[in-house]
Amino acid sequence: MKTYKSNSKEVSEKVKKHVLDCYDNDIEALKADTLACGGSIQMVEGGNFEIYYDDQREFLNSLKLNNNSNKTFSDDDVFSMYKLLVSRAIDKLIKE
C-alpha cells in the first residue's frame, strides 16, 4: 500500500477538497468565516469542520499518511494533525 507524507501534493489536494466540500466550494464564504473566526486554526478549533475524534481519525486514515512506526495516536495527536492539515489547506485556499 502506498503511503504519503503529510506535506505531499496528494495529501494537500485531498485536504483542500475536504475543506471545499465543507463549504460547498464557496471560497468567499470560507474567506469570510476565516476572517470572522480570527484565522484558520481558530476555525478548526471552533468546530467549523469535523468535531469528533473518530471522524477526524477516519479522515486522516483516508489520507494514507506514513506511519512507519505503526504508532497508535491519542485523540489529542489526531486533533493536532487534523488541525494542522486543515488549517494549512484553508490558508492555501484563501490565498489562491
Protein backbone atom coordinates (compact mmCIF):
# COMPACT_ATOMS: atom_id res chain seq x y z
CA MET A 1 0.00 0.00 0.00
CA LYS A 2 1.35 3.41 -0.97
CA THR A 3 1.56 5.97 1.82
CA TYR A 4 2.15 9.70 1.72
CA LYS A 5 3.90 12.38 3.75
CA SER A 6 1.64 14.96 5.36
CA ASN A 7 3.12 17.68 3.15
CA SER A 8 2.82 15.74 -0.12
CA LYS A 9 0.84 17.09 -3.05
CA GLU A 10 -1.60 14.15 -2.85
CA VAL A 11 -2.43 14.85 0.80
CA SER A 12 -2.61 18.60 0.22
CA GLU A 13 -5.12 18.17 -2.61
CA LYS A 14 -7.30 15.76 -0.61
CA VAL A 15 -7.37 18.10 2.40
CA LYS A 16 -8.23 21.11 0.21
CA LYS A 17 -11.09 19.08 -1.28
CA HIS A 18 -12.25 18.21 2.27
CA VAL A 19 -12.32 21.92 3.18
CA LEU A 20 -14.11 22.90 -0.02
CA ASP A 21 -16.67 20.10 0.45
CA CYS A 22 -17.49 21.53 3.88
CA TYR A 23 -18.09 24.90 2.21
CA ASP A 24 -19.88 23.70 -0.94
CA ASN A 25 -16.92 25.07 -2.93
CA ASP A 26 -17.72 28.63 -1.77
CA ILE A 27 -14.30 30.27 -1.36
CA GLU A 28 -15.85 33.63 -0.44
CA ALA A 29 -17.74 32.06 2.47
CA LEU A 30 -14.52 30.32 3.56
CA LYS A 31 -12.65 33.63 3.46
CA ALA A 32 -15.40 35.39 5.41
CA ASP A 33 -15.51 32.69 8.09
CA THR A 34 -11.72 32.66 8.38
CA LEU A 35 -11.74 36.41 8.95
CA ALA A 36 -14.68 36.24 11.40
CA CYS A 37 -13.06 33.45 13.42
CA GLY A 38 -9.67 35.15 13.58
CA GLY A 39 -7.80 32.63 11.46
CA SER A 40 -7.74 29.12 10.08
CA ILE A 41 -6.61 27.40 13.29
CA GLN A 42 -9.42 29.08 15.22
CA MET A 43 -11.89 27.81 12.62
CA VAL A 44 -10.82 24.21 13.16
CA GLU A 45 -10.70 24.61 16.95
CA GLY A 46 -14.12 26.29 16.86
CA GLY A 47 -15.78 23.31 15.20
CA ASN A 48 -16.24 24.51 11.62
CA PHE A 49 -15.07 21.10 10.36
CA GLU A 50 -15.02 17.56 11.81
CA ILE A 51 -15.55 17.82 15.55
CA TYR A 52 -15.44 14.20 16.70
CA TYR A 53 -12.11 12.44 17.15
CA ASP A 54 -13.46 9.34 15.38
CA ASP A 55 -14.40 11.41 12.32
CA GLN A 56 -11.04 13.19 12.35
CA ARG A 57 -9.23 9.86 12.71
CA GLU A 58 -11.25 8.37 9.84
CA PHE A 59 -10.41 11.33 7.62
CA LEU A 60 -6.70 11.14 8.49
CA ASN A 61 -6.72 7.39 7.82
CA SER A 62 -8.25 8.06 4.40
CA LEU A 63 -5.18 10.14 3.54
CA LYS A 64 -2.91 7.09 3.90
CA LEU A 65 -0.29 9.04 5.81
CA ASN A 66 3.07 7.44 6.55
CA ASN A 67 3.10 5.72 9.92
CA ASN A 68 6.25 3.66 9.64
CA SER A 69 6.42 3.13 13.40
CA ASN A 70 2.83 1.79 13.48
CA LYS A 71 2.21 4.13 16.40
CA THR A 72 -1.30 4.38 17.79
CA PHE A 73 -2.21 8.03 18.10
CA SER A 74 -4.11 9.57 21.00
CA ASP A 75 -7.17 11.71 20.41
CA ASP A 76 -5.04 14.79 21.10
CA ASP A 77 -2.49 13.66 18.48
CA VAL A 78 -5.29 13.10 15.96
CA PHE A 79 -6.77 16.55 16.62
CA SER A 80 -3.35 18.21 16.35
CA MET A 81 -2.66 16.59 12.98
CA TYR A 82 -6.19 17.30 11.71
CA LYS A 83 -5.92 20.93 12.82
CA LEU A 84 -2.51 21.31 11.18
CA LEU A 85 -3.57 19.84 7.84
CA VAL A 86 -6.94 21.58 7.61
CA SER A 87 -5.67 25.00 8.70
CA ARG A 88 -2.80 24.72 6.20
CA ALA A 89 -5.31 23.88 3.44
CA ILE A 90 -7.54 26.80 4.42
CA ASP A 91 -4.60 29.20 4.27
CA LYS A 92 -3.63 27.94 0.81
CA LEU A 93 -7.19 28.12 -0.49
CA ILE A 94 -7.86 31.69 0.65
CA LYS A 95 -4.58 32.88 -0.88
CA GLU A 96 -5.21 31.31 -4.29
